[in-house]
Amino acid sequence: MSSPGLPDLADFHSALVIKPSSLGDIVHTLPAVHAIKQARPYLRIRWVANTEWAPLLQGAPFLDSVIAFPRKSFRGPLAMIQAARWALTELPPTFKPEIVLDFQGLFRSAMLARASGSRPIIGLSDSREGARLLHDRIIPVDASAHAVDRYLAVPRAFGISVDADNLQFPLASGSLPRDWPQRDDLIVVHPWSRGAGKSLSPEALQALCDALAPQPVVLVGMTEDKSRPKGGHIMDFSHRTNLAELVACLRAARWVISVDSGPMHMAAAVNDRTLGIHTWSDPRKVGPYNPKAWVWKAGRIAHRGELTDLEARAEGEVTPNAARRMGEWVLQA
């Protein structure tokens, strides 16, 4: 039974999910949407995702369609109007009635929801930028909780039982990129992030790779930094994989070592042997949700739920010595 004030999903033929970005947040939303589909298999689910992230969802069996939102095409003072016009054309429902689930919680996503013409629009209590003014119903969430737990409040509010210990992250299966080494002992390292202060320094990355020798190391990801670590055991696949291929690479790895980033969450979703590196972010809120994954924080490697408040709030860069110890730990784990 749905929470008071919420409609019954049985009254709808379709659901429009608004979650355009970011990469990590899309991964965090997967268990909630998958749980809804599992409990209400008759519900046709459409998902709006930014064009660059849409391949992560395309082909997922629990989705009926993925709508690529060309966010980067809308710039300048008229960007919001252009986005609204796009939504008026691209988002009207094929199957009615349709309910809208705005997981993004920003004014732009709420505007897209309104322009779709579907009702009601369901939002979360931690929405920002005045988005709640455009929502018809609000689901209360704990703003301090991990993103996965916040989004799981949606299916639960509709009376859907969710087992947090048995969640599914149904990412696109993908295929390995061309020339990918066919062996089962690869350690995939994703050392770069767009977030300030999250990427490994060239010195720390070299120390990490040195510590992992002679195990084969594969670098993945994207960066403007031209420097690369040296070593005969290192293979550079940076800028050589699309999203679906990256999923396959992370799934096939013996270990994945990644800085706090979208690919870190992708790795934890498909590979228990993931080590996420957190410099200033709180792993309890934004770390890999997989309970079997590991995090490095404040010089300690542990499961995110094992960190103390002091450790979780600590800030500090990854020094070459710390990176070396990480590599040694992975080889012994």
C-alpha atoms as a PDB file:
ATOM      1  CA  MET A   1       0.000   0.000   0.000  1.00  0.00           C
ATOM      2  CA  SER A   2       1.288   3.462  -0.907  1.00  0.00           C
ATOM      3  CA  SER A   3       2.044   6.059   1.752  1.00  0.00           C
ATOM      4  CA  PRO A   4      -0.792   8.496   2.510  1.00  0.00           C
ATOM      5  CA  GLY A   5      -1.135  11.090  -0.236  1.00  0.00           C
ATOM      6  CA  LEU A   6       0.586   8.993  -2.891  1.00  0.00           C
ATOM      7  CA  PRO A   7      -1.308   7.355  -5.750  1.00  0.00           C
ATOM      8  CA  ASP A   8      -1.324   3.606  -6.326  1.00  0.00           C
ATOM      9  CA  LEU A   9       1.090   2.535  -9.083  1.00  0.00           C
ATOM     10  CA  ALA A  10      -1.556   0.032 -10.177  1.00  0.00           C
ATOM     11  CA  ASP A  11      -3.485   3.000 -11.574  1.00  0.00           C
ATOM     12  CA  PHE A  12      -0.779   3.773 -14.157  1.00  0.00           C
ATOM     13  CA  HIS A  13       0.403   2.148 -17.369  1.00  0.00           C
ATOM     14  CA  SER A  14       3.716   3.983 -17.548  1.00  0.00           C
ATOM     15  CA  ALA A  15       6.345   5.765 -15.443  1.00  0.00           C
ATOM     16  CA  LEU A  16       8.699   8.505 -16.611  1.00  0.00           C
ATOM     17  CA  VAL A  17      11.965   8.566 -14.650  1.00  0.00           C
ATOM     18  CA  ILE A  18      13.797  11.892 -14.677  1.00  0.00           C
ATOM     19  CA  LYS A  19      17.438  11.335 -13.743  1.00  0.00           C
ATOM     20  CA  PRO A  20      19.656  12.912 -16.425  1.00  0.00           C
ATOM     21  CA  SER A  21      22.931  12.961 -14.468  1.00  0.00           C
ATOM     22  CA  SER A  22      25.490  12.506 -13.078  1.00  0.00           C
ATOM     23  CA  LEU A  23      27.099   9.181 -13.929  1.00  0.00           C
ATOM     24  CA  GLY A  24      27.385   8.134 -10.296  1.00  0.00           C
ATOM     25  CA  ASP A  25      23.885   9.326  -9.453  1.00  0.00           C
ATOM     26  CA  ILE A  26      22.408   7.317 -12.313  1.00  0.00           C
ATOM     27  CA  VAL A  27      24.114   4.216 -10.905  1.00  0.00           C
ATOM     28  CA  HIS A  28      22.707   5.070  -7.468  1.00  0.00           C
ATOM     29  CA  THR A  29      19.176   5.287  -8.875  1.00  0.00           C
ATOM     30  CA  LEU A  30      19.234   1.887 -10.582  1.00  0.00           C
ATOM     31  CA  PRO A  31      18.196  -0.251  -7.573  1.00  0.00           C
ATOM     32  CA  ALA A  32      15.144   1.919  -6.862  1.00  0.00           C
ATOM     33  CA  VAL A  33      13.860   1.870 -10.431  1.00  0.00           C
ATOM     34  CA  HIS A  34      14.646  -1.829 -10.822  1.00  0.00           C
ATOM     35  CA  ALA A  35      12.722  -2.583  -7.621  1.00  0.00           C
ATOM     36  CA  ILE A  36       9.697  -0.729  -8.992  1.00  0.00           C
ATOM     37  CA  LYS A  37       9.818  -2.711 -12.231  1.00  0.00           C
ATOM     38  CA  GLN A  38      10.234  -6.007 -10.375  1.00  0.00           C
ATOM     39  CA  ALA A  39       7.218  -5.299  -8.186  1.00  0.00           C
ATOM     40  CA  ARG A  40       5.098  -3.776 -10.974  1.00  0.00           C
ATOM     41  CA  PRO A  41       6.195  -5.607 -14.161  1.00  0.00           C
ATOM     42  CA  TYR A  42       3.251  -4.230 -16.142  1.00  0.00           C
ATOM     43  CA  LEU A  43       4.588  -0.672 -15.721  1.00  0.00           C
ATOM     44  CA  ARG A  44       6.325   0.651 -18.830  1.00  0.00           C
ATOM     45  CA  ILE A  45       9.334   2.654 -17.677  1.00  0.00           C
ATOM     46  CA  ARG A  46      10.971   5.451 -19.655  1.00  0.00           C
ATOM     47  CA  TRP A  47      14.195   7.034 -18.372  1.00  0.00           C
ATOM     48  CA  VAL A  48      15.502  10.488 -19.319  1.00  0.00           C
ATOM     49  CA  ALA A  49      19.322  10.586 -19.168  1.00  0.00           C
ATOM     50  CA  ASN A  50      21.867  13.004 -20.576  1.00  0.00           C
ATOM     51  CA  THR A  51      23.089  11.950 -24.004  1.00  0.00           C
ATOM     52  CA  GLU A  52      26.571  11.128 -22.701  1.00  0.00           C
ATOM     53  CA  TRP A  53      25.198   8.801 -19.990  1.00  0.00           C
ATOM     54  CA  ALA A  54      22.355   7.175 -21.924  1.00  0.00           C
ATOM     55  CA  PRO A  55      24.524   4.259 -23.197  1.00  0.00           C
ATOM     56  CA  LEU A  56      24.843   3.104 -19.591  1.00  0.00           C
ATOM     57  CA  LEU A  57      21.114   2.315 -19.616  1.00  0.00           C
ATOM     58  CA  GLN A  58      20.406   1.341 -23.204  1.00  0.00           C
ATOM     59  CA  GLY A  59      19.512  -2.311 -23.515  1.00  0.00           C
ATOM     60  CA  ALA A  60      18.680  -2.698 -19.833  1.00  0.00           C
ATOM     61  CA  PRO A  61      15.827  -5.248 -19.726  1.00  0.00           C
ATOM     62  CA  PHE A  62      13.898  -3.437 -16.995  1.00  0.00           C
ATOM     63  CA  LEU A  63      13.548  -0.282 -19.121  1.00  0.00           C
ATOM     64  CA  ASP A  64      11.187   0.098 -22.045  1.00  0.00           C
ATOM     65  CA  SER A  65      13.010   3.101 -23.456  1.00  0.00           C
ATOM     66  CA  VAL A  66      15.898   5.453 -22.730  1.00  0.00           C
ATOM     67  CA  ILE A  67      15.444   9.056 -23.838  1.00  0.00           C
ATOM     68  CA  ALA A  68      18.713  10.875 -24.504  1.00  0.00           C
ATOM     69  CA  PHE A  69      18.493  14.445 -23.218  1.00  0.00           C
ATOM     70  CA  PRO A  70      20.905  16.726 -25.175  1.00  0.00           C
ATOM     71  CA  ARG A  71      21.744  18.835 -22.132  1.00  0.00           C
ATOM     72  CA  LYS A  72      24.909  20.313 -23.642  1.00  0.00           C
ATOM     73  CA  SER A  73      22.951  21.645 -26.622  1.00  0.00           C
ATOM     74  CA  PHE A  74      21.042  24.061 -24.409  1.00  0.00           C
ATOM     75  CA  ARG A  75      23.253  26.942 -23.325  1.00  0.00           C
ATOM     76  CA  GLY A  76      22.976  30.626 -22.599  1.00  0.00           C
ATOM     77  CA  PRO A  77      20.060  32.664 -21.251  1.00  0.00           C
ATOM     78  CA  LEU A  78      17.517  30.720 -23.339  1.00  0.00           C
ATOM     79  CA  ALA A  79      18.714  27.278 -22.245  1.00  0.00           C
ATOM     80  CA  MET A  80      15.712  26.603 -20.015  1.00  0.00           C
ATOM     81  CA  ILE A  81      13.251  27.621 -22.721  1.00  0.00           C
ATOM     82  CA  GLN A  82      15.041  25.436 -25.270  1.00  0.00           C
ATOM     83  CA  ALA A  83      14.972  22.483 -22.889  1.00  0.00           C
ATOM     84  CA  ALA A  84      11.254  23.002 -22.276  1.00  0.00           C
ATOM     85  CA  ARG A  85      10.565  23.019 -26.018  1.00  0.00           C
ATOM     86  CA  TRP A  86      12.559  19.818 -26.375  1.00  0.00           C
ATOM     87  CA  ALA A  87      10.536  18.201 -23.605  1.00  0.00           C
ATOM     88  CA  LEU A  88       7.239  19.271 -25.157  1.00  0.00           C
ATOM     89  CA  THR A  89       8.247  17.395 -28.310  1.00  0.00           C
ATOM     90  CA  GLU A  90      10.148  14.393 -26.941  1.00  0.00           C
ATOM     91  CA  LEU A  91       8.508  13.525 -23.622  1.00  0.00           C
ATOM     92  CA  PRO A  92       4.719  13.311 -24.103  1.00  0.00           C
ATOM     93  CA  PRO A  93       3.610   9.840 -22.961  1.00  0.00           C
ATOM     94  CA  THR A  94       2.826   7.052 -25.389  1.00  0.00           C
ATOM     95  CA  PHE A  95       0.978   5.047 -22.757  1.00  0.00           C
ATOM     96  CA  LYS A  96      -1.404   6.847 -20.434  1.00  0.00           C
ATOM     97  CA  PRO A  97      -1.865   7.425 -17.604  1.00  0.00           C
ATOM     98  CA  GLU A  98       1.781   8.022 -16.750  1.00  0.00           C
ATOM     99  CA  ILE A  99       3.343   8.968 -13.435  1.00  0.00           C
ATOM    100  CA  VAL A 100       6.582  10.995 -13.276  1.00  0.00           C
ATOM    101  CA  LEU A 101       9.368  10.224 -10.793  1.00  0.00           C
ATOM    102  CA  ASP A 102      11.797  13.148 -10.518  1.00  0.00           C
ATOM    103  CA  PHE A 103      14.877  11.641  -8.891  1.00  0.00           C
ATOM    104  CA  GLN A 104      17.058  14.597  -9.948  1.00  0.00           C
ATOM    105  CA  GLY A 105      15.272  17.167  -7.817  1.00  0.00           C
ATOM    106  CA  LEU A 106      16.443  20.331  -9.581  1.00  0.00           C
ATOM    107  CA  PHE A 107      14.402  23.054 -11.246  1.00  0.00           C
ATOM    108  CA  ARG A 108      15.416  21.873 -14.723  1.00  0.00           C
ATOM    109  CA  SER A 109      14.343  18.278 -14.086  1.00  0.00           C
ATOM    110  CA  ALA A 110      11.052  19.418 -12.554  1.00  0.00           C
ATOM    111  CA  MET A 111      10.479  21.634 -15.585  1.00  0.00           C
ATOM    112  CA  LEU A 112      11.088  18.671 -17.907  1.00  0.00           C
ATOM    113  CA  ALA A 113       8.592  16.689 -15.859  1.00  0.00           C
ATOM    114  CA  ARG A 114       5.970  19.434 -16.203  1.00  0.00           C
ATOM    115  CA  ALA A 115       6.581  19.817 -19.924  1.00  0.00           C
ATOM    116  CA  SER A 116       6.050  16.084 -20.463  1.00  0.00           C
ATOM    117  CA  GLY A 117       2.356  16.547 -19.743  1.00  0.00           C
ATOM    118  CA  SER A 118       2.239  13.508 -17.459  1.00  0.00           C
ATOM    119  CA  ARG A 119       0.835  13.727 -13.946  1.00  0.00           C
ATOM    120  CA  PRO A 120       1.320  13.440 -11.073  1.00  0.00           C
ATOM    121  CA  ILE A 121       4.951  14.441 -10.597  1.00  0.00           C
ATOM    122  CA  ILE A 122       6.595  12.823  -7.586  1.00  0.00           C
ATOM    123  CA  GLY A 123       9.625  14.507  -6.028  1.00  0.00           C
ATOM    124  CA  LEU A 124      11.870  14.038  -3.010  1.00  0.00           C
ATOM    125  CA  SER A 125      12.018  16.241   0.066  1.00  0.00           C
ATOM    126  CA  ASP A 126      15.690  17.102  -0.539  1.00  0.00           C
ATOM    127  CA  SER A 127      14.952  18.665  -3.947  1.00  0.00           C
ATOM    128  CA  ARG A 128      16.592  22.043  -4.582  1.00  0.00           C
ATOM    129  CA  GLU A 129      16.264  25.199  -6.699  1.00  0.00           C
ATOM    130  CA  GLY A 130      12.541  25.448  -6.048  1.00  0.00           C
ATOM    131  CA  ALA A 131      11.832  22.143  -7.786  1.00  0.00           C
ATOM    132  CA  ARG A 132       9.295  21.229  -5.110  1.00  0.00           C
ATOM    133  CA  LEU A 133       7.033  23.998  -6.379  1.00  0.00           C
ATOM    134  CA  LEU A 134       6.558  21.942  -9.556  1.00  0.00           C
ATOM    135  CA  HIS A 135       6.058  18.613  -7.794  1.00  0.00           C
ATOM    136  CA  ASP A 136       2.574  17.301  -7.039  1.00  0.00           C
ATOM    137  CA  ARG A 137       3.624  14.931  -4.252  1.00  0.00           C
ATOM    138  CA  ILE A 138       6.724  14.830  -2.046  1.00  0.00           C
ATOM    139  CA  ILE A 139       8.375  11.713  -0.617  1.00  0.00           C
ATOM    140  CA  PRO A 140      10.350  12.424   2.581  1.00  0.00           C
ATOM    141  CA  VAL A 141      13.977  11.284   2.534  1.00  0.00           C
ATOM    142  CA  ASP A 142      16.934  11.527   4.900  1.00  0.00           C
ATOM    143  CA  ALA A 143      19.172  14.126   3.256  1.00  0.00           C
ATOM    144  CA  SER A 144      22.195  12.840   5.203  1.00  0.00           C
ATOM    145  CA  ALA A 145      21.815   9.239   3.992  1.00  0.00           C
ATOM    146  CA  HIS A 146      23.679   7.565   1.132  1.00  0.00           C
ATOM    147  CA  ALA A 147      22.168   8.394  -2.271  1.00  0.00           C
ATOM    148  CA  VAL A 148      21.112   4.772  -2.837  1.00  0.00           C
ATOM    149  CA  ASP A 149      19.158   4.787   0.426  1.00  0.00           C
ATOM    150  CA  ARG A 150      17.538   8.131  -0.399  1.00  0.00           C
ATOM    151  CA  TYR A 151      16.314   6.840  -3.751  1.00  0.00           C
ATOM    152  CA  LEU A 152      15.092   3.561  -2.255  1.00  0.00           C
ATOM    153  CA  ALA A 153      12.614   5.661  -0.278  1.00  0.00           C
ATOM    154  CA  VAL A 154      10.632   5.993  -3.528  1.00  0.00           C
ATOM    155  CA  PRO A 155       9.661   2.327  -4.061  1.00  0.00           C
ATOM    156  CA  ARG A 156       9.137   1.939  -0.325  1.00  0.00           C
ATOM    157  CA  ALA A 157       6.754   4.900  -0.296  1.00  0.00           C
ATOM    158  CA  PHE A 158       4.703   3.064  -2.920  1.00  0.00           C
ATOM    159  CA  GLY A 159       4.485   0.017  -0.674  1.00  0.00           C
ATOM    160  CA  ILE A 160       7.225  -1.963  -2.412  1.00  0.00           C
ATOM    161  CA  SER A 161       9.414  -4.052  -0.120  1.00  0.00           C
ATOM    162  CA  VAL A 162      13.131  -3.607  -0.815  1.00  0.00           C
ATOM    163  CA  ASP A 163      15.884  -5.839   0.542  1.00  0.00           C
ATOM    164  CA  ALA A 164      18.845  -3.492   0.968  1.00  0.00           C
ATOM    165  CA  ASP A 165      21.194  -6.479   1.311  1.00  0.00           C
ATOM    166  CA  ASN A 166      20.219  -7.908  -2.070  1.00  0.00           C
ATOM    167  CA  LEU A 167      20.053  -4.940  -4.409  1.00  0.00           C
ATOM    168  CA  GLN A 168      20.598  -5.138  -8.150  1.00  0.00           C
ATOM    169  CA  PHE A 169      22.458  -2.604 -10.283  1.00  0.00           C
ATOM    170  CA  PRO A 170      21.479  -3.743 -13.803  1.00  0.00           C
ATOM    171  CA  LEU A 171      24.013  -1.846 -15.886  1.00  0.00           C
ATOM    172  CA  ALA A 172      24.424  -2.390 -19.612  1.00  0.00           C
ATOM    173  CA  SER A 173      26.378  -5.592 -20.207  1.00  0.00           C
ATOM    174  CA  GLY A 174      28.762  -4.148 -22.794  1.00  0.00           C
ATOM    175  CA  SER A 175      31.673  -5.889 -24.477  1.00  0.00           C
ATOM    176  CA  LEU A 176      35.398  -5.609 -23.891  1.00  0.00           C
ATOM    177  CA  PRO A 177      37.228  -3.086 -26.085  1.00  0.00           C
ATOM    178  CA  ARG A 178      39.408  -4.124 -28.949  1.00  0.00           C
ATOM    179  CA  ASP A 179      42.862  -5.403 -27.919  1.00  0.00           C
ATOM    180  CA  TRP A 180      41.779  -5.900 -24.299  1.00  0.00           C
ATOM    181  CA  PRO A 181      44.140  -8.503 -22.763  1.00  0.00           C
ATOM    182  CA  GLN A 182      42.399 -11.843 -22.320  1.00  0.00           C
ATOM    183  CA  ARG A 183      43.503 -12.775 -18.804  1.00  0.00           C
ATOM    184  CA  ASP A 184      41.893 -12.983 -15.376  1.00  0.00           C
ATOM    185  CA  ASP A 185      44.540 -11.309 -13.216  1.00  0.00           C
ATOM    186  CA  LEU A 186      44.169  -7.712 -14.414  1.00  0.00           C
ATOM    187  CA  ILE A 187      44.107  -4.866 -11.911  1.00  0.00           C
ATOM    188  CA  VAL A 188      42.144  -1.976 -13.395  1.00  0.00           C
ATOM    189  CA  VAL A 189      43.114   1.454 -12.083  1.00  0.00           C
ATOM    190  CA  HIS A 190      40.920   4.522 -12.601  1.00  0.00           C
ATOM    191  CA  PRO A 191      43.049   7.359 -11.180  1.00  0.00           C
ATOM    192  CA  TRP A 192      41.372  10.514 -12.496  1.00  0.00           C
ATOM    193  CA  SER A 193      38.274  12.499 -11.583  1.00  0.00           C
ATOM    194  CA  ARG A 194      36.753  15.815 -12.598  1.00  0.00           C
ATOM    195  CA  GLY A 195      36.141  16.546  -8.913  1.00  0.00           C
ATOM    196  CA  ALA A 196      38.676  18.895  -7.336  1.00  0.00           C
ATOM    197  CA  GLY A 197      41.265  17.160  -5.198  1.00  0.00           C
ATOM    198  CA  LYS A 198      40.146  13.637  -6.071  1.00  0.00           C
ATOM    199  CA  SER A 199      42.600  12.542  -8.771  1.00  0.00           C
ATOM    200  CA  LEU A 200      45.834  10.776  -7.931  1.00  0.00           C
ATOM    201  CA  SER A 201      48.941  12.846  -8.496  1.00  0.00           C
ATOM    202  CA  PRO A 202      51.391  11.487 -11.094  1.00  0.00           C
ATOM    203  CA  GLU A 203      53.760  10.601  -8.239  1.00  0.00           C
ATOM    204  CA  ALA A 204      51.071   8.724  -6.286  1.00  0.00           C
ATOM    205  CA  LEU A 205      49.911   6.898  -9.416  1.00  0.00           C
ATOM    206  CA  GLN A 206      53.469   5.820 -10.203  1.00  0.00           C
ATOM    207  CA  ALA A 207      53.932   4.584  -6.628  1.00  0.00           C
ATOM    208  CA  LEU A 208      50.680   2.621  -6.802  1.00  0.00           C
ATOM    209  CA  CYS A 209      51.624   0.969 -10.087  1.00  0.00           C
ATOM    210  CA  ASP A 210      55.125   0.182  -8.813  1.00  0.00           C
ATOM    211  CA  ALA A 211      53.639  -1.527  -5.759  1.00  0.00           C
ATOM    212  CA  LEU A 212      51.328  -3.628  -7.935  1.00  0.00           C
ATOM    213  CA  ALA A 213      54.172  -4.979 -10.099  1.00  0.00           C
ATOM    214  CA  PRO A 214      54.487  -7.524 -11.569  1.00  0.00           C
ATOM    215  CA  GLN A 215      50.686  -7.864 -11.690  1.00  0.00           C
ATOM    216  CA  PRO A 216      49.307  -6.468 -14.968  1.00  0.00           C
ATOM    217  CA  VAL A 217      47.795  -3.003 -14.479  1.00  0.00           C
ATOM    218  CA  VAL A 218      45.328  -1.413 -16.903  1.00  0.00           C
ATOM    219  CA  LEU A 219      44.668   2.331 -16.751  1.00  0.00           C
ATOM    220  CA  VAL A 220      41.164   3.465 -17.712  1.00  0.00           C
ATOM    221  CA  GLY A 221      39.351   6.780 -17.681  1.00  0.00           C
ATOM    222  CA  MET A 222      39.805  10.222 -19.167  1.00  0.00           C
ATOM    223  CA  THR A 223      42.162  13.046 -18.280  1.00  0.00           C
ATOM    224  CA  GLU A 224      43.844  16.070 -19.809  1.00  0.00           C
ATOM    225  CA  ASP A 225      47.058  15.133 -18.011  1.00  0.00           C
ATOM    226  CA  LYS A 226      49.493  13.754 -20.584  1.00  0.00           C
ATOM    227  CA  SER A 227      51.810  12.067 -18.083  1.00  0.00           C
ATOM    228  CA  ARG A 228      51.528   8.313 -17.561  1.00  0.00           C
ATOM    229  CA  PRO A 229      53.224   5.967 -15.110  1.00  0.00           C
ATOM    230  CA  LYS A 230      56.119   3.922 -16.437  1.00  0.00           C
ATOM    231  CA  GLY A 231      56.426   0.158 -16.227  1.00  0.00           C
ATOM    232  CA  GLY A 232      56.346  -2.860 -18.492  1.00  0.00           C
ATOM    233  CA  HIS A 233      53.355  -4.259 -16.596  1.00  0.00           C
ATOM    234  CA  ILE A 234      51.201  -1.167 -17.306  1.00  0.00           C
ATOM    235  CA  MET A 235      48.725  -0.973 -20.201  1.00  0.00           C
ATOM    236  CA  ASP A 236      47.116   2.361 -21.029  1.00  0.00           C
ATOM    237  CA  PHE A 237      43.463   2.131 -22.074  1.00  0.00           C
ATOM    238  CA  SER A 238      42.629   5.717 -21.119  1.00  0.00           C
ATOM    239  CA  HIS A 239      40.363   7.439 -23.675  1.00  0.00           C
ATOM    240  CA  ARG A 240      39.862   4.052 -25.386  1.00  0.00           C
ATOM    241  CA  THR A 241      36.574   2.803 -23.938  1.00  0.00           C
ATOM    242  CA  ASN A 242      32.983   3.910 -24.218  1.00  0.00           C
ATOM    243  CA  LEU A 243      30.666   3.568 -21.227  1.00  0.00           C
ATOM    244  CA  ALA A 244      29.374   0.099 -22.067  1.00  0.00           C
ATOM    245  CA  GLU A 245      32.918  -1.160 -22.698  1.00  0.00           C
ATOM    246  CA  LEU A 246      34.071   0.362 -19.426  1.00  0.00           C
ATOM    247  CA  VAL A 247      31.405  -1.618 -17.574  1.00  0.00           C
ATOM    248  CA  ALA A 248      32.754  -4.797 -19.172  1.00  0.00           C
ATOM    249  CA  CYS A 249      36.342  -3.891 -18.229  1.00  0.00           C
ATOM    250  CA  LEU A 250      35.412  -3.237 -14.610  1.00  0.00           C
ATOM    251  CA  ARG A 251      33.413  -6.460 -14.427  1.00  0.00           C
ATOM    252  CA  ALA A 252      36.284  -8.540 -15.841  1.00  0.00           C
ATOM    253  CA  ALA A 253      38.987  -7.161 -13.528  1.00  0.00           C
ATOM    254  CA  ARG A 254      40.508  -9.124 -10.683  1.00  0.00           C
ATOM    255  CA  TRP A 255      40.582  -5.850  -8.748  1.00  0.00           C
ATOM    256  CA  VAL A 256      39.453  -2.299  -9.468  1.00  0.00           C
ATOM    257  CA  ILE A 257      41.162   0.631  -7.755  1.00  0.00           C
ATOM    258  CA  SER A 258      39.393   3.920  -8.411  1.00  0.00           C
ATOM    259  CA  VAL A 259      39.268   7.436  -7.069  1.00  0.00           C
ATOM    260  CA  ASP A 260      35.874   8.775  -5.977  1.00  0.00           C
ATOM    261  CA  SER A 261      34.026   9.100  -9.292  1.00  0.00           C
ATOM    262  CA  GLY A 262      31.216   7.725 -11.424  1.00  0.00           C
ATOM    263  CA  PRO A 263      33.362   4.801 -12.623  1.00  0.00           C
ATOM    264  CA  MET A 264      34.047   3.900  -8.977  1.00  0.00           C
ATOM    265  CA  HIS A 265      30.313   3.428  -8.443  1.00  0.00           C
ATOM    266  CA  MET A 266      30.076   1.479 -11.698  1.00  0.00           C
ATOM    267  CA  ALA A 267      32.878  -0.782 -10.489  1.00  0.00           C
ATOM    268  CA  ALA A 268      31.267  -1.430  -7.108  1.00  0.00           C
ATOM    269  CA  ALA A 269      28.012  -2.279  -8.876  1.00  0.00           C
ATOM    270  CA  VAL A 270      29.601  -5.068 -10.928  1.00  0.00           C
ATOM    271  CA  ASN A 271      32.697  -6.128  -8.975  1.00  0.00           C
ATOM    272  CA  ASP A 272      32.952  -6.877  -5.248  1.00  0.00           C
ATOM    273  CA  ARG A 273      36.730  -6.469  -5.415  1.00  0.00           C
ATOM    274  CA  THR A 274      36.629  -2.689  -5.683  1.00  0.00           C
ATOM    275  CA  LEU A 275      38.729  -0.240  -3.677  1.00  0.00           C
ATOM    276  CA  GLY A 276      37.434   3.345  -3.719  1.00  0.00           C
ATOM    277  CA  ILE A 277      39.827   6.163  -2.823  1.00  0.00           C
ATOM    278  CA  HIS A 278      38.345   9.094  -0.883  1.00  0.00           C
ATOM    279  CA  THR A 279      40.409  12.172  -0.075  1.00  0.00           C
ATOM    280  CA  TRP A 280      37.849  14.667   1.268  1.00  0.00           C
ATOM    281  CA  SER A 281      34.439  13.105   0.508  1.00  0.00           C
ATOM    282  CA  ASP A 282      32.558  11.042   3.114  1.00  0.00           C
ATOM    283  CA  PRO A 283      32.456   7.380   1.993  1.00  0.00           C
ATOM    284  CA  ARG A 284      29.450   6.715   4.201  1.00  0.00           C
ATOM    285  CA  LYS A 285      27.397   9.112   2.059  1.00  0.00           C
ATOM    286  CA  VAL A 286      29.023   8.887  -1.373  1.00  0.00           C
ATOM    287  CA  GLY A 287      31.227   5.798  -1.209  1.00  0.00           C
ATOM    288  CA  PRO A 288      30.706   2.489  -3.034  1.00  0.00           C
ATOM    289  CA  TYR A 289      27.373   1.135  -1.782  1.00  0.00           C
ATOM    290  CA  ASN A 290      28.322  -2.507  -2.256  1.00  0.00           C
ATOM    291  CA  PRO A 291      28.928  -3.821   1.301  1.00  0.00           C
ATOM    292  CA  LYS A 292      31.736  -6.051   0.003  1.00  0.00           C
ATOM    293  CA  ALA A 293      33.627  -3.161  -1.604  1.00  0.00           C
ATOM    294  CA  TRP A 294      36.439  -1.375   0.214  1.00  0.00           C
ATOM    295  CA  VAL A 295      37.387   2.263   0.688  1.00  0.00           C
ATOM    296  CA  TRP A 296      40.606   4.073   1.495  1.00  0.00           C
ATOM    297  CA  LYS A 297      40.088   7.021   3.809  1.00  0.00           C
ATOM    298  CA  ALA A 298      42.452   8.844   6.142  1.00  0.00           C
ATOM    299  CA  GLY A 299      45.124   6.194   5.645  1.00  0.00           C
ATOM    300  CA  ARG A 300      42.844   3.275   6.494  1.00  0.00           C
ATOM    301  CA  ILE A 301      41.314   0.614   4.236  1.00  0.00           C
ATOM    302  CA  ALA A 302      37.945  -0.670   5.448  1.00  0.00           C
ATOM    303  CA  HIS A 303      34.338  -1.181   4.431  1.00  0.00           C
ATOM    304  CA  ARG A 304      32.627   2.216   4.424  1.00  0.00           C
ATOM    305  CA  GLY A 305      30.327   1.303   7.310  1.00  0.00           C
ATOM    306  CA  GLU A 306      33.327   0.553   9.525  1.00  0.00           C
ATOM    307  CA  LEU A 307      34.744   4.077   9.435  1.00  0.00           C
ATOM    308  CA  THR A 308      34.531   6.255  12.520  1.00  0.00           C
ATOM    309  CA  ASP A 309      33.030   9.745  12.351  1.00  0.00           C
ATOM    310  CA  LEU A 310      36.514  11.220  12.645  1.00  0.00           C
ATOM    311  CA  GLU A 311      37.865   9.107   9.789  1.00  0.00           C
ATOM    312  CA  ALA A 312      34.879   9.780   7.544  1.00  0.00           C
ATOM    313  CA  ARG A 313      35.226  13.549   7.979  1.00  0.00           C
ATOM    314  CA  ALA A 314      39.007  13.623   7.603  1.00  0.00           C
ATOM    315  CA  GLU A 315      40.605  15.269   4.585  1.00  0.00           C
ATOM    316  CA  GLY A 316      43.957  14.496   3.074  1.00  0.00           C
ATOM    317  CA  GLU A 317      45.694  13.798  -0.208  1.00  0.00           C
ATOM    318  CA  VAL A 318      47.011  10.435  -1.275  1.00  0.00           C
ATOM    319  CA  THR A 319      50.766  10.573  -0.845  1.00  0.00           C
ATOM    320  CA  PRO A 320      53.078   8.239  -2.763  1.00  0.00           C
ATOM    321  CA  ASN A 321      53.644   6.266   0.453  1.00  0.00           C
ATOM    322  CA  ALA A 322      49.889   5.904   0.988  1.00  0.00           C
ATOM    323  CA  ALA A 323      49.446   4.815  -2.637  1.00  0.00           C
ATOM    324  CA  ARG A 324      52.223   2.261  -2.246  1.00  0.00           C
ATOM    325  CA  ARG A 325      50.544   0.786   0.824  1.00  0.00           C
ATOM    326  CA  MET A 326      47.271   0.557  -1.118  1.00  0.00           C
ATOM    327  CA  GLY A 327      48.950  -1.475  -3.819  1.00  0.00           C
ATOM    328  CA  GLU A 328      50.570  -3.779  -1.286  1.00  0.00           C
ATOM    329  CA  TRP A 329      47.214  -4.304   0.435  1.00  0.00           C
ATOM    330  CA  VAL A 330      45.497  -5.227  -2.835  1.00  0.00           C
ATOM    331  CA  LEU A 331      48.163  -7.820  -3.661  1.00  0.00           C
ATOM    332  CA  GLN A 332      47.677  -9.443  -0.264  1.00  0.00           C
ATOM    333  CA  ALA A 333      43.864  -9.266  -0.174  1.00  0.00           C
END
